[in-house]
Amino acid sequence: MHIYKLRLSISLYLNYVAHGFGLLILSQNMTALGQTWSSGSSPLA
């Protein structure tokens, strides 16, 4: 039973780290994303 709790703890910790990195990347690009969102023309289209 202990190994399952350890595996769950490690998985949750890595999940928080991965989402934290995603939030850091998103927050660093908020200005550029905001300009693209409000411009009305998509660079992908």
PDB file of N, CA and C in Angstrom:
ATOM      1  N   MET A   1       0.825  -1.196   0.000  1.00  0.00           N
ATOM      2  CA  MET A   1       0.000   0.000   0.000  1.00  0.00           C
ATOM      3  C   MET A   1       0.865   1.254   0.000  1.00  0.00           C
ATOM      4  N   HIS A   2       2.014   1.167   0.639  1.00  0.00           N
ATOM      5  CA  HIS A   2       2.901   2.325   0.727  1.00  0.00           C
ATOM      6  C   HIS A   2       3.430   2.735  -0.644  1.00  0.00           C
ATOM      7  N   ILE A   3       3.708   1.759  -1.499  1.00  0.00           N
ATOM      8  CA  ILE A   3       4.253   2.073  -2.829  1.00  0.00           C
ATOM      9  C   ILE A   3       3.234   2.834  -3.668  1.00  0.00           C
ATOM     10  N   TYR A   4       1.946   2.550  -3.469  1.00  0.00           N
ATOM     11  CA  TYR A   4       0.909   3.253  -4.231  1.00  0.00           C
ATOM     12  C   TYR A   4       0.809   4.710  -3.800  1.00  0.00           C
ATOM     13  N   LYS A   5       0.936   4.955  -2.494  1.00  0.00           N
ATOM     14  CA  LYS A   5       0.910   6.338  -2.001  1.00  0.00           C
ATOM     15  C   LYS A   5       2.134   7.100  -2.488  1.00  0.00           C
ATOM     16  N   LEU A   6       3.273   6.441  -2.504  1.00  0.00           N
ATOM     17  CA  LEU A   6       4.491   7.080  -2.987  1.00  0.00           C
ATOM     18  C   LEU A   6       4.372   7.394  -4.472  1.00  0.00           C
ATOM     19  N   ARG A   7       3.865   6.454  -5.253  1.00  0.00           N
ATOM     20  CA  ARG A   7       3.686   6.666  -6.690  1.00  0.00           C
ATOM     21  C   ARG A   7       2.695   7.799  -6.949  1.00  0.00           C
ATOM     22  N   LEU A   8       1.608   7.837  -6.185  1.00  0.00           N
ATOM     23  CA  LEU A   8       0.617   8.901  -6.323  1.00  0.00           C
ATOM     24  C   LEU A   8       1.225  10.251  -5.960  1.00  0.00           C
ATOM     25  N   SER A   9       1.995  10.299  -4.894  1.00  0.00           N
ATOM     26  CA  SER A   9       2.622  11.552  -4.475  1.00  0.00           C
ATOM     27  C   SER A   9       3.587  12.070  -5.532  1.00  0.00           C
ATOM     28  N   ILE A  10       4.388  11.195  -6.088  1.00  0.00           N
ATOM     29  CA  ILE A  10       5.340  11.600  -7.125  1.00  0.00           C
ATOM     30  C   ILE A  10       4.600  12.064  -8.369  1.00  0.00           C
ATOM     31  N   SER A  11       3.555  11.355  -8.750  1.00  0.00           N
ATOM     32  CA  SER A  11       2.782  11.734  -9.937  1.00  0.00           C
ATOM     33  C   SER A  11       2.128  13.097  -9.763  1.00  0.00           C
ATOM     34  N   LEU A  12       1.539  13.339  -8.602  1.00  0.00           N
ATOM     35  CA  LEU A  12       0.903  14.633  -8.354  1.00  0.00           C
ATOM     36  C   LEU A  12       1.934  15.758  -8.336  1.00  0.00           C
ATOM     37  N   TYR A  13       3.083  15.516  -7.729  1.00  0.00           N
ATOM     38  CA  TYR A  13       4.127  16.526  -7.680  1.00  0.00           C
ATOM     39  C   TYR A  13       4.605  16.873  -9.091  1.00  0.00           C
ATOM     40  N   LEU A  14       4.848  15.874  -9.912  1.00  0.00           N
ATOM     41  CA  LEU A  14       5.286  16.129 -11.284  1.00  0.00           C
ATOM     42  C   LEU A  14       4.200  16.827 -12.091  1.00  0.00           C
ATOM     43  N   ASN A  15       2.946  16.514 -11.814  1.00  0.00           N
ATOM     44  CA  ASN A  15       1.836  17.186 -12.474  1.00  0.00           C
ATOM     45  C   ASN A  15       1.824  18.669 -12.112  1.00  0.00           C
ATOM     46  N   TYR A  16       2.011  18.997 -10.838  1.00  0.00           N
ATOM     47  CA  TYR A  16       2.066  20.397 -10.416  1.00  0.00           C
ATOM     48  C   TYR A  16       3.242  21.117 -11.058  1.00  0.00           C
ATOM     49  N   VAL A  17       4.383  20.459 -11.157  1.00  0.00           N
ATOM     50  CA  VAL A  17       5.561  21.071 -11.776  1.00  0.00           C
ATOM     51  C   VAL A  17       5.302  21.341 -13.255  1.00  0.00           C
ATOM     52  N   ALA A  18       4.732  20.377 -13.957  1.00  0.00           N
ATOM     53  CA  ALA A  18       4.456  20.551 -15.384  1.00  0.00           C
ATOM     54  C   ALA A  18       3.467  21.688 -15.614  1.00  0.00           C
ATOM     55  N   HIS A  19       2.417  21.750 -14.824  1.00  0.00           N
ATOM     56  CA  HIS A  19       1.448  22.835 -14.980  1.00  0.00           C
ATOM     57  C   HIS A  19       2.055  24.174 -14.573  1.00  0.00           C
ATOM     58  N   GLY A  20       2.947  24.164 -13.607  1.00  0.00           N
ATOM     59  CA  GLY A  20       3.634  25.393 -13.217  1.00  0.00           C
ATOM     60  C   GLY A  20       4.482  25.940 -14.350  1.00  0.00           C
ATOM     61  N   PHE A  21       5.199  25.064 -15.039  1.00  0.00           N
ATOM     62  CA  PHE A  21       5.986  25.508 -16.194  1.00  0.00           C
ATOM     63  C   PHE A  21       5.081  26.060 -17.289  1.00  0.00           C
ATOM     64  N   GLY A  22       3.953  25.409 -17.503  1.00  0.00           N
ATOM     65  CA  GLY A  22       3.004  25.905 -18.499  1.00  0.00           C
ATOM     66  C   GLY A  22       2.490  27.287 -18.156  1.00  0.00           C
ATOM     67  N   LEU A  23       2.188  27.511 -16.884  1.00  0.00           N
ATOM     68  CA  LEU A  23       1.719  28.831 -16.465  1.00  0.00           C
ATOM     69  C   LEU A  23       2.809  29.885 -16.598  1.00  0.00           C
ATOM     70  N   LEU A  24       4.042  29.519 -16.320  1.00  0.00           N
ATOM     71  CA  LEU A  24       5.150  30.462 -16.499  1.00  0.00           C
ATOM     72  C   LEU A  24       5.299  30.862 -17.958  1.00  0.00           C
ATOM     73  N   ILE A  25       5.238  29.900 -18.846  1.00  0.00           N
ATOM     74  CA  ILE A  25       5.356  30.189 -20.281  1.00  0.00           C
ATOM     75  C   ILE A  25       4.187  31.046 -20.739  1.00  0.00           C
ATOM     76  N   LEU A  26       2.987  30.707 -20.294  1.00  0.00           N
ATOM     77  CA  LEU A  26       1.806  31.485 -20.674  1.00  0.00           C
ATOM     78  C   LEU A  26       1.900  32.916 -20.160  1.00  0.00           C
ATOM     79  N   SER A  27       2.320  33.089 -18.919  1.00  0.00           N
ATOM     80  CA  SER A  27       2.383  34.437 -18.356  1.00  0.00           C
ATOM     81  C   SER A  27       3.459  35.285 -19.025  1.00  0.00           C
ATOM     82  N   GLN A  28       4.526  34.677 -19.499  1.00  0.00           N
ATOM     83  CA  GLN A  28       5.570  35.429 -20.189  1.00  0.00           C
ATOM     84  C   GLN A  28       5.123  35.883 -21.568  1.00  0.00           C
ATOM     85  N   ASN A  29       4.121  35.239 -22.134  1.00  0.00           N
ATOM     86  CA  ASN A  29       3.655  35.566 -23.480  1.00  0.00           C
ATOM     87  C   ASN A  29       2.285  36.225 -23.488  1.00  0.00           C
ATOM     88  N   MET A  30       1.817  36.720 -22.352  1.00  0.00           N
ATOM     89  CA  MET A  30       0.475  37.292 -22.269  1.00  0.00           C
ATOM     90  C   MET A  30       0.309  38.510 -23.174  1.00  0.00           C
ATOM     91  N   THR A  31       1.312  39.372 -23.275  1.00  0.00           N
ATOM     92  CA  THR A  31       1.197  40.571 -24.101  1.00  0.00           C
ATOM     93  C   THR A  31       1.040  40.197 -25.569  1.00  0.00           C
ATOM     94  N   ALA A  32       1.892  39.333 -26.055  1.00  0.00           N
ATOM     95  CA  ALA A  32       1.824  38.919 -27.457  1.00  0.00           C
ATOM     96  C   ALA A  32       0.521  38.178 -27.740  1.00  0.00           C
ATOM     97  N   LEU A  33       0.098  37.335 -26.824  1.00  0.00           N
ATOM     98  CA  LEU A  33      -1.150  36.602 -27.023  1.00  0.00           C
ATOM     99  C   LEU A  33      -2.346  37.546 -27.005  1.00  0.00           C
ATOM    100  N   GLY A  34      -2.315  38.553 -26.141  1.00  0.00           N
ATOM    101  CA  GLY A  34      -3.397  39.525 -26.091  1.00  0.00           C
ATOM    102  C   GLY A  34      -3.495  40.336 -27.363  1.00  0.00           C
ATOM    103  N   GLN A  35      -2.362  40.711 -27.931  1.00  0.00           N
ATOM    104  CA  GLN A  35      -2.371  41.467 -29.182  1.00  0.00           C
ATOM    105  C   GLN A  35      -2.897  40.605 -30.324  1.00  0.00           C
ATOM    106  N   THR A  36      -2.501  39.363 -30.364  1.00  0.00           N
ATOM    107  CA  THR A  36      -2.976  38.453 -31.406  1.00  0.00           C
ATOM    108  C   THR A  36      -4.475  38.203 -31.255  1.00  0.00           C
ATOM    109  N   TRP A  37      -4.940  38.071 -30.017  1.00  0.00           N
ATOM    110  CA  TRP A  37      -6.351  37.792 -29.765  1.00  0.00           C
ATOM    111  C   TRP A  37      -7.230  38.954 -30.212  1.00  0.00           C
ATOM    112  N   SER A  38      -6.777  40.193 -29.968  1.00  0.00           N
ATOM    113  CA  SER A  38      -7.628  41.348 -30.250  1.00  0.00           C
ATOM    114  C   SER A  38      -7.433  41.908 -31.659  1.00  0.00           C
ATOM    115  N   SER A  39      -6.493  41.381 -32.428  1.00  0.00           N
ATOM    116  CA  SER A  39      -6.226  41.940 -33.752  1.00  0.00           C
ATOM    117  C   SER A  39      -7.280  41.535 -34.776  1.00  0.00           C
ATOM    118  N   GLY A  40      -7.947  40.429 -34.568  1.00  0.00           N
ATOM    119  CA  GLY A  40      -8.983  39.998 -35.490  1.00  0.00           C
ATOM    120  C   GLY A  40      -8.467  39.159 -36.641  1.00  0.00           C
ATOM    121  N   SER A  41      -7.170  39.172 -36.877  1.00  0.00           N
ATOM    122  CA  SER A  41      -6.612  38.336 -37.945  1.00  0.00           C
ATOM    123  C   SER A  41      -5.698  37.297 -37.318  1.00  0.00           C
ATOM    124  N   SER A  42      -5.927  36.079 -37.665  1.00  0.00           N
ATOM    125  CA  SER A  42      -5.142  34.995 -37.109  1.00  0.00           C
ATOM    126  C   SER A  42      -3.896  34.764 -37.955  1.00  0.00           C
ATOM    127  N   PRO A  43      -2.725  34.662 -37.328  1.00  0.00           N
ATOM    128  CA  PRO A  43      -1.522  34.357 -38.107  1.00  0.00           C
ATOM    129  C   PRO A  43      -1.521  32.928 -38.637  1.00  0.00           C
ATOM    130  N   LEU A  44      -2.430  32.093 -38.138  1.00  0.00           N
ATOM    131  CA  LEU A  44      -2.484  30.703 -38.573  1.00  0.00           C
ATOM    132  C   LEU A  44      -3.350  30.514 -39.812  1.00  0.00           C
ATOM    133  N   ALA A  45      -4.231  31.464 -40.075  1.00  0.00           N
ATOM    134  CA  ALA A  45      -5.153  31.306 -41.210  1.00  0.00           C
ATOM    135  C   ALA A  45      -4.557  31.861 -42.491  1.00  0.00           C
TER     136      ALA A  45
END
